[in-house]
Amino acid sequence: MRRGLLILLVVALLLVFGLIYYSLDPSQSGLFPQCAILKFTGYKCPGCGSQRAIHALLNGDVAGAFRYNALLLIAVPWIAVCLYAESRRTRNPRLYARLNAPLLAWMLFIVVVLWWLLRNIFNW
């Protein structure tokens, strides 16, 4: 019962946030927070542009989402697989273990750091 209620709550929150991000453009609305790293240093963090990318994706603009934050767009399928593995953690422990292997975690960390560096060097 508690798990079902938790899933329902998460789905409801995702729908609410999805509707907000679908309806309001983060680059036009003051409702959304700005990146503190960009604001104080002038450098983009790995997540910069994610809110605009989500808005673009929800409105069917895949190219725009890629321009705002390519890593987020590439990560969406990965996030979906990880959420699936988490939901099936006890039923499919091998998948969960593979996705949470230390080597894979380090590889993902390196990808994020490289993205952070390259997007600031080449102004992506």
PDB file of N, CA and C in Angstrom:
ATOM      1  N   MET A   1       0.827  -1.197   0.000  1.00  0.00           N
ATOM      2  CA  MET A   1       0.000   0.000   0.000  1.00  0.00           C
ATOM      3  C   MET A   1       0.864   1.252   0.000  1.00  0.00           C
ATOM      4  N   ARG A   2       1.878   1.295   0.867  1.00  0.00           N
ATOM      5  CA  ARG A   2       2.734   2.485   0.946  1.00  0.00           C
ATOM      6  C   ARG A   2       3.510   2.698  -0.344  1.00  0.00           C
ATOM      7  N   ARG A   3       3.986   1.595  -0.933  1.00  0.00           N
ATOM      8  CA  ARG A   3       4.741   1.710  -2.179  1.00  0.00           C
ATOM      9  C   ARG A   3       3.852   2.250  -3.290  1.00  0.00           C
ATOM     10  N   GLY A   4       2.633   1.756  -3.377  1.00  0.00           N
ATOM     11  CA  GLY A   4       1.696   2.231  -4.388  1.00  0.00           C
ATOM     12  C   GLY A   4       1.391   3.709  -4.220  1.00  0.00           C
ATOM     13  N   LEU A   5       1.242   4.134  -2.977  1.00  0.00           N
ATOM     14  CA  LEU A   5       0.990   5.546  -2.697  1.00  0.00           C
ATOM     15  C   LEU A   5       2.192   6.399  -3.069  1.00  0.00           C
ATOM     16  N   LEU A   6       3.379   5.906  -2.785  1.00  0.00           N
ATOM     17  CA  LEU A   6       4.599   6.620  -3.135  1.00  0.00           C
ATOM     18  C   LEU A   6       4.735   6.755  -4.651  1.00  0.00           C
ATOM     19  N   ILE A   7       4.464   5.682  -5.374  1.00  0.00           N
ATOM     20  CA  ILE A   7       4.525   5.731  -6.838  1.00  0.00           C
ATOM     21  C   ILE A   7       3.499   6.721  -7.381  1.00  0.00           C
ATOM     22  N   LEU A   8       2.312   6.701  -6.836  1.00  0.00           N
ATOM     23  CA  LEU A   8       1.267   7.640  -7.258  1.00  0.00           C
ATOM     24  C   LEU A   8       1.694   9.081  -6.998  1.00  0.00           C
ATOM     25  N   LEU A   9       2.297   9.338  -5.856  1.00  0.00           N
ATOM     26  CA  LEU A   9       2.763  10.676  -5.524  1.00  0.00           C
ATOM     27  C   LEU A   9       3.864  11.128  -6.485  1.00  0.00           C
ATOM     28  N   VAL A  10       4.798  10.246  -6.773  1.00  0.00           N
ATOM     29  CA  VAL A  10       5.895  10.580  -7.691  1.00  0.00           C
ATOM     30  C   VAL A  10       5.347  10.872  -9.086  1.00  0.00           C
ATOM     31  N   VAL A  11       4.433  10.053  -9.561  1.00  0.00           N
ATOM     32  CA  VAL A  11       3.830  10.268 -10.880  1.00  0.00           C
ATOM     33  C   VAL A  11       3.077  11.594 -10.911  1.00  0.00           C
ATOM     34  N   ALA A  12       2.335  11.885  -9.853  1.00  0.00           N
ATOM     35  CA  ALA A  12       1.593  13.149  -9.787  1.00  0.00           C
ATOM     36  C   ALA A  12       2.553  14.345  -9.812  1.00  0.00           C
ATOM     37  N   LEU A  13       3.640  14.255  -9.048  1.00  0.00           N
ATOM     38  CA  LEU A  13       4.626  15.344  -9.048  1.00  0.00           C
ATOM     39  C   LEU A  13       5.277  15.505 -10.416  1.00  0.00           C
ATOM     40  N   LEU A  14       5.601  14.402 -11.052  1.00  0.00           N
ATOM     41  CA  LEU A  14       6.187  14.470 -12.397  1.00  0.00           C
ATOM     42  C   LEU A  14       5.215  15.119 -13.381  1.00  0.00           C
ATOM     43  N   LEU A  15       3.943  14.785 -13.272  1.00  0.00           N
ATOM     44  CA  LEU A  15       2.942  15.395 -14.151  1.00  0.00           C
ATOM     45  C   LEU A  15       2.820  16.892 -13.906  1.00  0.00           C
ATOM     46  N   VAL A  16       2.817  17.294 -12.641  1.00  0.00           N
ATOM     47  CA  VAL A  16       2.722  18.720 -12.316  1.00  0.00           C
ATOM     48  C   VAL A  16       3.942  19.477 -12.849  1.00  0.00           C
ATOM     49  N   PHE A  17       5.141  18.947 -12.550  1.00  0.00           N
ATOM     50  CA  PHE A  17       6.348  19.601 -13.040  1.00  0.00           C
ATOM     51  C   PHE A  17       6.425  19.562 -14.561  1.00  0.00           C
ATOM     52  N   GLY A  18       5.979  18.464 -15.163  1.00  0.00           N
ATOM     53  CA  GLY A  18       5.950  18.372 -16.620  1.00  0.00           C
ATOM     54  C   GLY A  18       5.036  19.425 -17.226  1.00  0.00           C
ATOM     55  N   LEU A  19       3.881  19.627 -16.620  1.00  0.00           N
ATOM     56  CA  LEU A  19       2.956  20.650 -17.105  1.00  0.00           C
ATOM     57  C   LEU A  19       3.553  22.044 -16.954  1.00  0.00           C
ATOM     58  N   ILE A  20       4.213  22.287 -15.838  1.00  0.00           N
ATOM     59  CA  ILE A  20       4.864  23.592 -15.625  1.00  0.00           C
ATOM     60  C   ILE A  20       5.945  23.814 -16.679  1.00  0.00           C
ATOM     61  N   TYR A  21       6.808  22.815 -16.868  1.00  0.00           N
ATOM     62  CA  TYR A  21       7.890  22.964 -17.842  1.00  0.00           C
ATOM     63  C   TYR A  21       7.379  22.981 -19.279  1.00  0.00           C
ATOM     64  N   TYR A  22       6.279  22.334 -19.547  1.00  0.00           N
ATOM     65  CA  TYR A  22       5.680  22.383 -20.872  1.00  0.00           C
ATOM     66  C   TYR A  22       5.108  23.777 -21.148  1.00  0.00           C
ATOM     67  N   SER A  23       4.451  24.332 -20.151  1.00  0.00           N
ATOM     68  CA  SER A  23       3.721  25.587 -20.334  1.00  0.00           C
ATOM     69  C   SER A  23       4.594  26.834 -20.263  1.00  0.00           C
ATOM     70  N   LEU A  24       5.559  26.829 -19.366  1.00  0.00           N
ATOM     71  CA  LEU A  24       6.363  28.024 -19.130  1.00  0.00           C
ATOM     72  C   LEU A  24       7.780  27.838 -19.661  1.00  0.00           C
ATOM     73  N   ASP A  25       8.261  28.835 -20.381  1.00  0.00           N
ATOM     74  CA  ASP A  25       9.622  28.796 -20.904  1.00  0.00           C
ATOM     75  C   ASP A  25      10.576  29.311 -19.830  1.00  0.00           C
ATOM     76  N   PRO A  26      11.502  28.476 -19.364  1.00  0.00           N
ATOM     77  CA  PRO A  26      12.427  28.907 -18.308  1.00  0.00           C
ATOM     78  C   PRO A  26      13.273  30.126 -18.681  1.00  0.00           C
ATOM     79  N   SER A  27      13.494  30.350 -19.967  1.00  0.00           N
ATOM     80  CA  SER A  27      14.281  31.519 -20.368  1.00  0.00           C
ATOM     81  C   SER A  27      13.449  32.800 -20.343  1.00  0.00           C
ATOM     82  N   GLN A  28      12.135  32.666 -20.264  1.00  0.00           N
ATOM     83  CA  GLN A  28      11.238  33.826 -20.254  1.00  0.00           C
ATOM     84  C   GLN A  28      10.602  34.086 -18.886  1.00  0.00           C
ATOM     85  N   SER A  29      10.529  33.060 -18.048  1.00  0.00           N
ATOM     86  CA  SER A  29       9.815  33.157 -16.782  1.00  0.00           C
ATOM     87  C   SER A  29      10.780  33.335 -15.613  1.00  0.00           C
ATOM     88  N   GLY A  30      10.414  34.146 -14.670  1.00  0.00           N
ATOM     89  CA  GLY A  30      11.213  34.341 -13.472  1.00  0.00           C
ATOM     90  C   GLY A  30      10.952  33.285 -12.409  1.00  0.00           C
ATOM     91  N   LEU A  31      10.077  32.341 -12.705  1.00  0.00           N
ATOM     92  CA  LEU A  31       9.713  31.282 -11.760  1.00  0.00           C
ATOM     93  C   LEU A  31      10.855  30.291 -11.529  1.00  0.00           C
ATOM     94  N   PHE A  32      11.707  30.122 -12.523  1.00  0.00           N
ATOM     95  CA  PHE A  32      12.734  29.088 -12.475  1.00  0.00           C
ATOM     96  C   PHE A  32      14.051  29.643 -11.931  1.00  0.00           C
ATOM     97  N   PRO A  33      14.771  28.837 -11.151  1.00  0.00           N
ATOM     98  CA  PRO A  33      16.053  29.309 -10.600  1.00  0.00           C
ATOM     99  C   PRO A  33      17.130  29.389 -11.685  1.00  0.00           C
ATOM    100  N   GLN A  34      18.065  30.301 -11.475  1.00  0.00           N
ATOM    101  CA  GLN A  34      19.202  30.426 -12.382  1.00  0.00           C
ATOM    102  C   GLN A  34      20.381  29.667 -11.797  1.00  0.00           C
ATOM    103  N   CYS A  35      21.294  29.284 -12.661  1.00  0.00           N
ATOM    104  CA  CYS A  35      22.466  28.541 -12.226  1.00  0.00           C
ATOM    105  C   CYS A  35      23.402  29.455 -11.436  1.00  0.00           C
ATOM    106  N   ALA A  36      23.677  29.077 -10.191  1.00  0.00           N
ATOM    107  CA  ALA A  36      24.562  29.879  -9.332  1.00  0.00           C
ATOM    108  C   ALA A  36      25.997  29.861  -9.840  1.00  0.00           C
ATOM    109  N   ILE A  37      26.433  28.726 -10.372  1.00  0.00           N
ATOM    110  CA  ILE A  37      27.809  28.636 -10.888  1.00  0.00           C
ATOM    111  C   ILE A  37      27.981  29.594 -12.062  1.00  0.00           C
ATOM    112  N   LEU A  38      27.046  29.599 -12.991  1.00  0.00           N
ATOM    113  CA  LEU A  38      27.119  30.502 -14.142  1.00  0.00           C
ATOM    114  C   LEU A  38      27.039  31.954 -13.692  1.00  0.00           C
ATOM    115  N   LYS A  39      26.172  32.214 -12.761  1.00  0.00           N
ATOM    116  CA  LYS A  39      25.966  33.582 -12.284  1.00  0.00           C
ATOM    117  C   LYS A  39      27.218  34.148 -11.614  1.00  0.00           C
ATOM    118  N   PHE A  40      27.896  33.323 -10.803  1.00  0.00           N
ATOM    119  CA  PHE A  40      29.034  33.831 -10.038  1.00  0.00           C
ATOM    120  C   PHE A  40      30.384  33.662 -10.732  1.00  0.00           C
ATOM    121  N   THR A  41      30.506  32.674 -11.629  1.00  0.00           N
ATOM    122  CA  THR A  41      31.805  32.447 -12.267  1.00  0.00           C
ATOM    123  C   THR A  41      31.816  32.769 -13.751  1.00  0.00           C
ATOM    124  N   GLY A  42      30.653  32.743 -14.380  1.00  0.00           N
ATOM    125  CA  GLY A  42      30.587  32.945 -15.818  1.00  0.00           C
ATOM    126  C   GLY A  42      30.801  31.653 -16.598  1.00  0.00           C
ATOM    127  N   TYR A  43      31.041  30.545 -15.904  1.00  0.00           N
ATOM    128  CA  TYR A  43      31.233  29.257 -16.555  1.00  0.00           C
ATOM    129  C   TYR A  43      29.970  28.406 -16.424  1.00  0.00           C
ATOM    130  N   LYS A  44      29.669  27.680 -17.486  1.00  0.00           N
ATOM    131  CA  LYS A  44      28.509  26.793 -17.463  1.00  0.00           C
ATOM    132  C   LYS A  44      28.831  25.526 -16.682  1.00  0.00           C
ATOM    133  N   CYS A  45      27.900  25.100 -15.857  1.00  0.00           N
ATOM    134  CA  CYS A  45      28.052  23.822 -15.154  1.00  0.00           C
ATOM    135  C   CYS A  45      27.538  22.714 -16.073  1.00  0.00           C
ATOM    136  N   PRO A  46      27.730  21.446 -15.728  1.00  0.00           N
ATOM    137  CA  PRO A  46      27.231  20.372 -16.593  1.00  0.00           C
ATOM    138  C   PRO A  46      25.716  20.412 -16.800  1.00  0.00           C
ATOM    139  N   GLY A  47      24.989  20.988 -15.856  1.00  0.00           N
ATOM    140  CA  GLY A  47      23.535  21.022 -15.959  1.00  0.00           C
ATOM    141  C   GLY A  47      22.968  22.284 -16.566  1.00  0.00           C
ATOM    142  N   CYS A  48      23.804  23.262 -16.856  1.00  0.00           N
ATOM    143  CA  CYS A  48      23.305  24.521 -17.429  1.00  0.00           C
ATOM    144  C   CYS A  48      22.519  24.249 -18.710  1.00  0.00           C
ATOM    145  N   GLY A  49      21.367  24.853 -18.796  1.00  0.00           N
ATOM    146  CA  GLY A  49      20.507  24.692 -19.959  1.00  0.00           C
ATOM    147  C   GLY A  49      19.526  23.535 -19.825  1.00  0.00           C
ATOM    148  N   SER A  50      19.606  22.794 -18.732  1.00  0.00           N
ATOM    149  CA  SER A  50      18.732  21.621 -18.566  1.00  0.00           C
ATOM    150  C   SER A  50      17.257  22.016 -18.497  1.00  0.00           C
ATOM    151  N   GLN A  51      16.949  23.096 -17.813  1.00  0.00           N
ATOM    152  CA  GLN A  51      15.544  23.501 -17.713  1.00  0.00           C
ATOM    153  C   GLN A  51      14.995  23.886 -19.083  1.00  0.00           C
ATOM    154  N   ARG A  52      15.786  24.628 -19.845  1.00  0.00           N
ATOM    155  CA  ARG A  52      15.358  25.000 -21.197  1.00  0.00           C
ATOM    156  C   ARG A  52      15.287  23.778 -22.102  1.00  0.00           C
ATOM    157  N   ALA A  53      16.209  22.830 -21.902  1.00  0.00           N
ATOM    158  CA  ALA A  53      16.193  21.594 -22.696  1.00  0.00           C
ATOM    159  C   ALA A  53      14.941  20.774 -22.397  1.00  0.00           C
ATOM    160  N   ILE A  54      14.564  20.687 -21.136  1.00  0.00           N
ATOM    161  CA  ILE A  54      13.344  19.960 -20.764  1.00  0.00           C
ATOM    162  C   ILE A  54      12.128  20.624 -21.389  1.00  0.00           C
ATOM    163  N   HIS A  55      12.079  21.946 -21.329  1.00  0.00           N
ATOM    164  CA  HIS A  55      10.976  22.686 -21.955  1.00  0.00           C
ATOM    165  C   HIS A  55      10.918  22.397 -23.457  1.00  0.00           C
ATOM    166  N   ALA A  56      12.079  22.435 -24.102  1.00  0.00           N
ATOM    167  CA  ALA A  56      12.139  22.174 -25.544  1.00  0.00           C
ATOM    168  C   ALA A  56      11.699  20.741 -25.854  1.00  0.00           C
ATOM    169  N   LEU A  57      12.166  19.775 -25.075  1.00  0.00           N
ATOM    170  CA  LEU A  57      11.776  18.376 -25.299  1.00  0.00           C
ATOM    171  C   LEU A  57      10.276  18.184 -25.148  1.00  0.00           C
ATOM    172  N   LEU A  58       9.706  18.760 -24.101  1.00  0.00           N
ATOM    173  CA  LEU A  58       8.270  18.607 -23.874  1.00  0.00           C
ATOM    174  C   LEU A  58       7.440  19.271 -24.965  1.00  0.00           C
ATOM    175  N   ASN A  59       8.046  20.229 -25.666  1.00  0.00           N
ATOM    176  CA  ASN A  59       7.349  20.900 -26.760  1.00  0.00           C
ATOM    177  C   ASN A  59       7.765  20.349 -28.121  1.00  0.00           C
ATOM    178  N   GLY A  60       8.480  19.219 -28.121  1.00  0.00           N
ATOM    179  CA  GLY A  60       8.816  18.545 -29.365  1.00  0.00           C
ATOM    180  C   GLY A  60      10.020  19.089 -30.111  1.00  0.00           C
ATOM    181  N   ASP A  61      10.790  19.958 -29.509  1.00  0.00           N
ATOM    182  CA  ASP A  61      11.956  20.560 -30.160  1.00  0.00           C
ATOM    183  C   ASP A  61      13.223  19.832 -29.712  1.00  0.00           C
ATOM    184  N   VAL A  62      13.498  18.695 -30.335  1.00  0.00           N
ATOM    185  CA  VAL A  62      14.649  17.877 -29.952  1.00  0.00           C
ATOM    186  C   VAL A  62      15.958  18.607 -30.282  1.00  0.00           C
ATOM    187  N   ALA A  63      16.018  19.263 -31.434  1.00  0.00           N
ATOM    188  CA  ALA A  63      17.236  19.994 -31.815  1.00  0.00           C
ATOM    189  C   ALA A  63      17.513  21.120 -30.829  1.00  0.00           C
ATOM    190  N   GLY A  64      16.486  21.820 -30.414  1.00  0.00           N
ATOM    191  CA  GLY A  64      16.654  22.884 -29.429  1.00  0.00           C
ATOM    192  C   GLY A  64      17.130  22.341 -28.101  1.00  0.00           C
ATOM    193  N   ALA A  65      16.577  21.209 -27.689  1.00  0.00           N
ATOM    194  CA  ALA A  65      16.998  20.575 -26.439  1.00  0.00           C
ATOM    195  C   ALA A  65      18.465  20.185 -26.516  1.00  0.00           C
ATOM    196  N   PHE A  66      18.896  19.681 -27.667  1.00  0.00           N
ATOM    197  CA  PHE A  66      20.298  19.303 -27.849  1.00  0.00           C
ATOM    198  C   PHE A  66      21.197  20.525 -27.756  1.00  0.00           C
ATOM    199  N   ARG A  67      20.764  21.650 -28.321  1.00  0.00           N
ATOM    200  CA  ARG A  67      21.564  22.886 -28.238  1.00  0.00           C
ATOM    201  C   ARG A  67      21.668  23.404 -26.807  1.00  0.00           C
ATOM    202  N   TYR A  68      20.599  23.278 -26.033  1.00  0.00           N
ATOM    203  CA  TYR A  68      20.622  23.772 -24.660  1.00  0.00           C
ATOM    204  C   TYR A  68      21.509  22.922 -23.757  1.00  0.00           C
ATOM    205  N   ASN A  69      21.374  21.599 -23.850  1.00  0.00           N
ATOM    206  CA  ASN A  69      22.216  20.719 -23.034  1.00  0.00           C
ATOM    207  C   ASN A  69      22.216  19.324 -23.667  1.00  0.00           C
ATOM    208  N   ALA A  70      23.225  19.078 -24.483  1.00  0.00           N
ATOM    209  CA  ALA A  70      23.326  17.812 -25.206  1.00  0.00           C
ATOM    210  C   ALA A  70      23.454  16.628 -24.250  1.00  0.00           C
ATOM    211  N   LEU A  71      24.183  16.814 -23.171  1.00  0.00           N
ATOM    212  CA  LEU A  71      24.371  15.709 -22.233  1.00  0.00           C
ATOM    213  C   LEU A  71      23.041  15.274 -21.614  1.00  0.00           C
ATOM    214  N   LEU A  72      22.186  16.214 -21.295  1.00  0.00           N
ATOM    215  CA  LEU A  72      20.883  15.852 -20.735  1.00  0.00           C
ATOM    216  C   LEU A  72      20.084  15.034 -21.736  1.00  0.00           C
ATOM    217  N   LEU A  73      20.087  15.458 -22.974  1.00  0.00           N
ATOM    218  CA  LEU A  73      19.328  14.743 -23.996  1.00  0.00           C
ATOM    219  C   LEU A  73      19.848  13.321 -24.168  1.00  0.00           C
ATOM    220  N   ILE A  74      21.161  13.164 -24.142  1.00  0.00           N
ATOM    221  CA  ILE A  74      21.765  11.844 -24.261  1.00  0.00           C
ATOM    222  C   ILE A  74      21.490  11.008 -23.008  1.00  0.00           C
ATOM    223  N   ALA A  75      21.401  11.668 -21.853  1.00  0.00           N
ATOM    224  CA  ALA A  75      21.225  10.963 -20.583  1.00  0.00           C
ATOM    225  C   ALA A  75      19.795  10.491 -20.329  1.00  0.00           C
ATOM    226  N   VAL A  76      18.816  11.034 -21.021  1.00  0.00           N
ATOM    227  CA  VAL A  76      17.416  10.667 -20.759  1.00  0.00           C
ATOM    228  C   VAL A  76      17.187   9.154 -20.885  1.00  0.00           C
ATOM    229  N   PRO A  77      17.637   8.502 -21.955  1.00  0.00           N
ATOM    230  CA  PRO A  77      17.453   7.039 -22.001  1.00  0.00           C
ATOM    231  C   PRO A  77      18.204   6.325 -20.878  1.00  0.00           C
ATOM    232  N   TRP A  78      19.390   6.817 -20.550  1.00  0.00           N
ATOM    233  CA  TRP A  78      20.173   6.216 -19.467  1.00  0.00           C
ATOM    234  C   TRP A  78      19.420   6.334 -18.140  1.00  0.00           C
ATOM    235  N   ILE A  79      18.852   7.483 -17.889  1.00  0.00           N
ATOM    236  CA  ILE A  79      18.091   7.702 -16.659  1.00  0.00           C
ATOM    237  C   ILE A  79      16.890   6.760 -16.614  1.00  0.00           C
ATOM    238  N   ALA A  80      16.226   6.578 -17.747  1.00  0.00           N
ATOM    239  CA  ALA A  80      15.074   5.670 -17.806  1.00  0.00           C
ATOM    240  C   ALA A  80      15.492   4.235 -17.476  1.00  0.00           C
ATOM    241  N   VAL A  81      16.617   3.797 -18.018  1.00  0.00           N
ATOM    242  CA  VAL A  81      17.105   2.446 -17.729  1.00  0.00           C
ATOM    243  C   VAL A  81      17.451   2.315 -16.251  1.00  0.00           C
ATOM    244  N   CYS A  82      18.079   3.323 -15.689  1.00  0.00           N
ATOM    245  CA  CYS A  82      18.439   3.279 -14.259  1.00  0.00           C
ATOM    246  C   CYS A  82      17.197   3.250 -13.366  1.00  0.00           C
ATOM    247  N   LEU A  83      16.182   4.016 -13.725  1.00  0.00           N
ATOM    248  CA  LEU A  83      14.936   3.992 -12.959  1.00  0.00           C
ATOM    249  C   LEU A  83      14.262   2.620 -13.060  1.00  0.00           C
ATOM    250  N   TYR A  84      14.305   2.035 -14.248  1.00  0.00           N
ATOM    251  CA  TYR A  84      13.754   0.695 -14.420  1.00  0.00           C
ATOM    252  C   TYR A  84      14.513  -0.307 -13.544  1.00  0.00           C
ATOM    253  N   ALA A  85      15.839  -0.240 -13.588  1.00  0.00           N
ATOM    254  CA  ALA A  85      16.654  -1.167 -12.789  1.00  0.00           C
ATOM    255  C   ALA A  85      16.382  -0.984 -11.304  1.00  0.00           C
ATOM    256  N   GLU A  86      16.201   0.254 -10.880  1.00  0.00           N
ATOM    257  CA  GLU A  86      15.909   0.517  -9.471  1.00  0.00           C
ATOM    258  C   GLU A  86      14.554  -0.070  -9.088  1.00  0.00           C
ATOM    259  N   SER A  87      13.578   0.043  -9.979  1.00  0.00           N
ATOM    260  CA  SER A  87      12.244  -0.480  -9.669  1.00  0.00           C
ATOM    261  C   SER A  87      12.216  -2.007  -9.661  1.00  0.00           C
ATOM    262  N   ARG A  88      13.153  -2.628 -10.337  1.00  0.00           N
ATOM    263  CA  ARG A  88      13.243  -4.090 -10.408  1.00  0.00           C
ATOM    264  C   ARG A  88      14.455  -4.619  -9.646  1.00  0.00           C
ATOM    265  N   ARG A  89      14.883  -3.868  -8.694  1.00  0.00           N
ATOM    266  CA  ARG A  89      16.106  -4.177  -7.947  1.00  0.00           C
ATOM    267  C   ARG A  89      16.124  -5.587  -7.369  1.00  0.00           C
ATOM    268  N   THR A  90      15.034  -6.016  -6.778  1.00  0.00           N
ATOM    269  CA  THR A  90      14.997  -7.346  -6.166  1.00  0.00           C
ATOM    270  C   THR A  90      14.676  -8.440  -7.190  1.00  0.00           C
ATOM    271  N   ARG A  91      13.991  -8.086  -8.243  1.00  0.00           N
ATOM    272  CA  ARG A  91      13.631  -9.070  -9.265  1.00  0.00           C
ATOM    273  C   ARG A  91      14.751  -9.311 -10.272  1.00  0.00           C
ATOM    274  N   ASN A  92      15.575  -8.295 -10.498  1.00  0.00           N
ATOM    275  CA  ASN A  92      16.669  -8.421 -11.450  1.00  0.00           C
ATOM    276  C   ASN A  92      17.940  -7.824 -10.837  1.00  0.00           C
ATOM    277  N   PRO A  93      18.507  -8.463  -9.846  1.00  0.00           N
ATOM    278  CA  PRO A  93      19.665  -7.896  -9.146  1.00  0.00           C
ATOM    279  C   PRO A  93      20.917  -7.789 -10.009  1.00  0.00           C
ATOM    280  N   ARG A  94      21.027  -8.649 -11.032  1.00  0.00           N
ATOM    281  CA  ARG A  94      22.208  -8.562 -11.900  1.00  0.00           C
ATOM    282  C   ARG A  94      22.229  -7.259 -12.694  1.00  0.00           C
ATOM    283  N   LEU A  95      21.087  -6.867 -13.229  1.00  0.00           N
ATOM    284  CA  LEU A  95      21.007  -5.597 -13.955  1.00  0.00           C
ATOM    285  C   LEU A  95      21.332  -4.435 -13.025  1.00  0.00           C
ATOM    286  N   TYR A  96      20.732  -4.466 -11.854  1.00  0.00           N
ATOM    287  CA  TYR A  96      20.993  -3.403 -10.873  1.00  0.00           C
ATOM    288  C   TYR A  96      22.476  -3.338 -10.521  1.00  0.00           C
ATOM    289  N   ALA A  97      23.090  -4.484 -10.288  1.00  0.00           N
ATOM    290  CA  ALA A  97      24.508  -4.529  -9.930  1.00  0.00           C
ATOM    291  C   ALA A  97      25.382  -4.013 -11.067  1.00  0.00           C
ATOM    292  N   ARG A  98      25.056  -4.364 -12.290  1.00  0.00           N
ATOM    293  CA  ARG A  98      25.848  -3.891 -13.439  1.00  0.00           C
ATOM    294  C   ARG A  98      25.755  -2.385 -13.601  1.00  0.00           C
ATOM    295  N   LEU A  99      24.563  -1.832 -13.410  1.00  0.00           N
ATOM    296  CA  LEU A  99      24.390  -0.388 -13.573  1.00  0.00           C
ATOM    297  C   LEU A  99      24.980   0.401 -12.408  1.00  0.00           C
ATOM    298  N   ASN A 100      25.240  -0.259 -11.305  1.00  0.00           N
ATOM    299  CA  ASN A 100      25.815   0.412 -10.141  1.00  0.00           C
ATOM    300  C   ASN A 100      27.248  -0.035  -9.868  1.00  0.00           C
ATOM    301  N   ALA A 101      27.893  -0.583 -10.869  1.00  0.00           N
ATOM    302  CA  ALA A 101      29.281  -1.015 -10.728  1.00  0.00           C
ATOM    303  C   ALA A 101      30.190   0.204 -10.566  1.00  0.00           C
ATOM    304  N   PRO A 102      31.202   0.117  -9.710  1.00  0.00           N
ATOM    305  CA  PRO A 102      32.105   1.259  -9.500  1.00  0.00           C
ATOM    306  C   PRO A 102      32.774   1.753 -10.783  1.00  0.00           C
ATOM    307  N   LEU A 103      33.173   0.841 -11.662  1.00  0.00           N
ATOM    308  CA  LEU A 103      33.817   1.255 -12.902  1.00  0.00           C
ATOM    309  C   LEU A 103      32.874   2.103 -13.751  1.00  0.00           C
ATOM    310  N   LEU A 104      31.624   1.702 -13.834  1.00  0.00           N
ATOM    311  CA  LEU A 104      30.646   2.466 -14.607  1.00  0.00           C
ATOM    312  C   LEU A 104      30.401   3.833 -13.971  1.00  0.00           C
ATOM    313  N   ALA A 105      30.350   3.881 -12.660  1.00  0.00           N
ATOM    314  CA  ALA A 105      30.171   5.159 -11.968  1.00  0.00           C
ATOM    315  C   ALA A 105      31.330   6.101 -12.273  1.00  0.00           C
ATOM    316  N   TRP A 106      32.549   5.580 -12.262  1.00  0.00           N
ATOM    317  CA  TRP A 106      33.708   6.410 -12.593  1.00  0.00           C
ATOM    318  C   TRP A 106      33.676   6.874 -14.048  1.00  0.00           C
ATOM    319  N   MET A 107      33.243   6.003 -14.940  1.00  0.00           N
ATOM    320  CA  MET A 107      33.146   6.379 -16.352  1.00  0.00           C
ATOM    321  C   MET A 107      32.125   7.497 -16.546  1.00  0.00           C
ATOM    322  N   LEU A 108      31.000   7.391 -15.879  1.00  0.00           N
ATOM    323  CA  LEU A 108      29.987   8.448 -15.969  1.00  0.00           C
ATOM    324  C   LEU A 108      30.506   9.757 -15.383  1.00  0.00           C
ATOM    325  N   PHE A 109      31.236   9.668 -14.287  1.00  0.00           N
ATOM    326  CA  PHE A 109      31.837  10.851 -13.678  1.00  0.00           C
ATOM    327  C   PHE A 109      32.789  11.532 -14.668  1.00  0.00           C
ATOM    328  N   ILE A 110      33.609  10.735 -15.350  1.00  0.00           N
ATOM    329  CA  ILE A 110      34.555  11.288 -16.325  1.00  0.00           C
ATOM    330  C   ILE A 110      33.813  11.941 -17.489  1.00  0.00           C
ATOM    331  N   VAL A 111      32.743  11.329 -17.963  1.00  0.00           N
ATOM    332  CA  VAL A 111      31.947  11.909 -19.047  1.00  0.00           C
ATOM    333  C   VAL A 111      31.387  13.271 -18.628  1.00  0.00           C
ATOM    334  N   VAL A 112      30.864  13.361 -17.415  1.00  0.00           N
ATOM    335  CA  VAL A 112      30.293  14.623 -16.932  1.00  0.00           C
ATOM    336  C   VAL A 112      31.374  15.698 -16.809  1.00  0.00           C
ATOM    337  N   VAL A 113      32.530  15.341 -16.278  1.00  0.00           N
ATOM    338  CA  VAL A 113      33.623  16.315 -16.144  1.00  0.00           C
ATOM    339  C   VAL A 113      34.110  16.763 -17.524  1.00  0.00           C
ATOM    340  N   LEU A 114      34.246  15.821 -18.453  1.00  0.00           N
ATOM    341  CA  LEU A 114      34.651  16.193 -19.813  1.00  0.00           C
ATOM    342  C   LEU A 114      33.628  17.117 -20.461  1.00  0.00           C
ATOM    343  N   TRP A 115      32.355  16.801 -20.276  1.00  0.00           N
ATOM    344  CA  TRP A 115      31.290  17.663 -20.802  1.00  0.00           C
ATOM    345  C   TRP A 115      31.411  19.068 -20.207  1.00  0.00           C
ATOM    346  N   TRP A 116      31.651  19.144 -18.908  1.00  0.00           N
ATOM    347  CA  TRP A 116      31.783  20.420 -18.219  1.00  0.00           C
ATOM    348  C   TRP A 116      32.943  21.224 -18.811  1.00  0.00           C
ATOM    349  N   LEU A 117      34.075  20.582 -19.000  1.00  0.00           N
ATOM    350  CA  LEU A 117      35.242  21.275 -19.551  1.00  0.00           C
ATOM    351  C   LEU A 117      35.032  21.667 -21.011  1.00  0.00           C
ATOM    352  N   LEU A 118      34.601  20.724 -21.828  1.00  0.00           N
ATOM    353  CA  LEU A 118      34.469  20.980 -23.263  1.00  0.00           C
ATOM    354  C   LEU A 118      33.408  22.025 -23.576  1.00  0.00           C
ATOM    355  N   ARG A 119      32.310  22.021 -22.833  1.00  0.00           N
ATOM    356  CA  ARG A 119      31.271  23.022 -23.139  1.00  0.00           C
ATOM    357  C   ARG A 119      31.732  24.435 -22.800  1.00  0.00           C
ATOM    358  N   ASN A 120      32.675  24.581 -21.866  1.00  0.00           N
ATOM    359  CA  ASN A 120      33.200  25.901 -21.566  1.00  0.00           C
ATOM    360  C   ASN A 120      34.345  26.289 -22.503  1.00  0.00           C
ATOM    361  N   ILE A 121      35.124  25.312 -22.926  1.00  0.00           N
ATOM    362  CA  ILE A 121      36.214  25.616 -23.869  1.00  0.00           C
ATOM    363  C   ILE A 121      35.654  26.006 -25.232  1.00  0.00           C
ATOM    364  N   PHE A 122      34.672  25.242 -25.723  1.00  0.00           N
ATOM    365  CA  PHE A 122      34.120  25.479 -27.046  1.00  0.00           C
ATOM    366  C   PHE A 122      32.802  26.267 -27.036  1.00  0.00           C
ATOM    367  N   ASN A 123      32.394  26.724 -25.859  1.00  0.00           N
ATOM    368  CA  ASN A 123      31.175  27.511 -25.689  1.00  0.00           C
ATOM    369  C   ASN A 123      29.937  26.794 -26.240  1.00  0.00           C
ATOM    370  N   TRP A 124      29.788  25.527 -25.839  1.00  0.00           N
ATOM    371  CA  TRP A 124      28.616  24.748 -26.262  1.00  0.00           C
ATOM    372  C   TRP A 124      27.451  25.046 -25.392  1.00  0.00           C
TER     373      TRP A 124
END
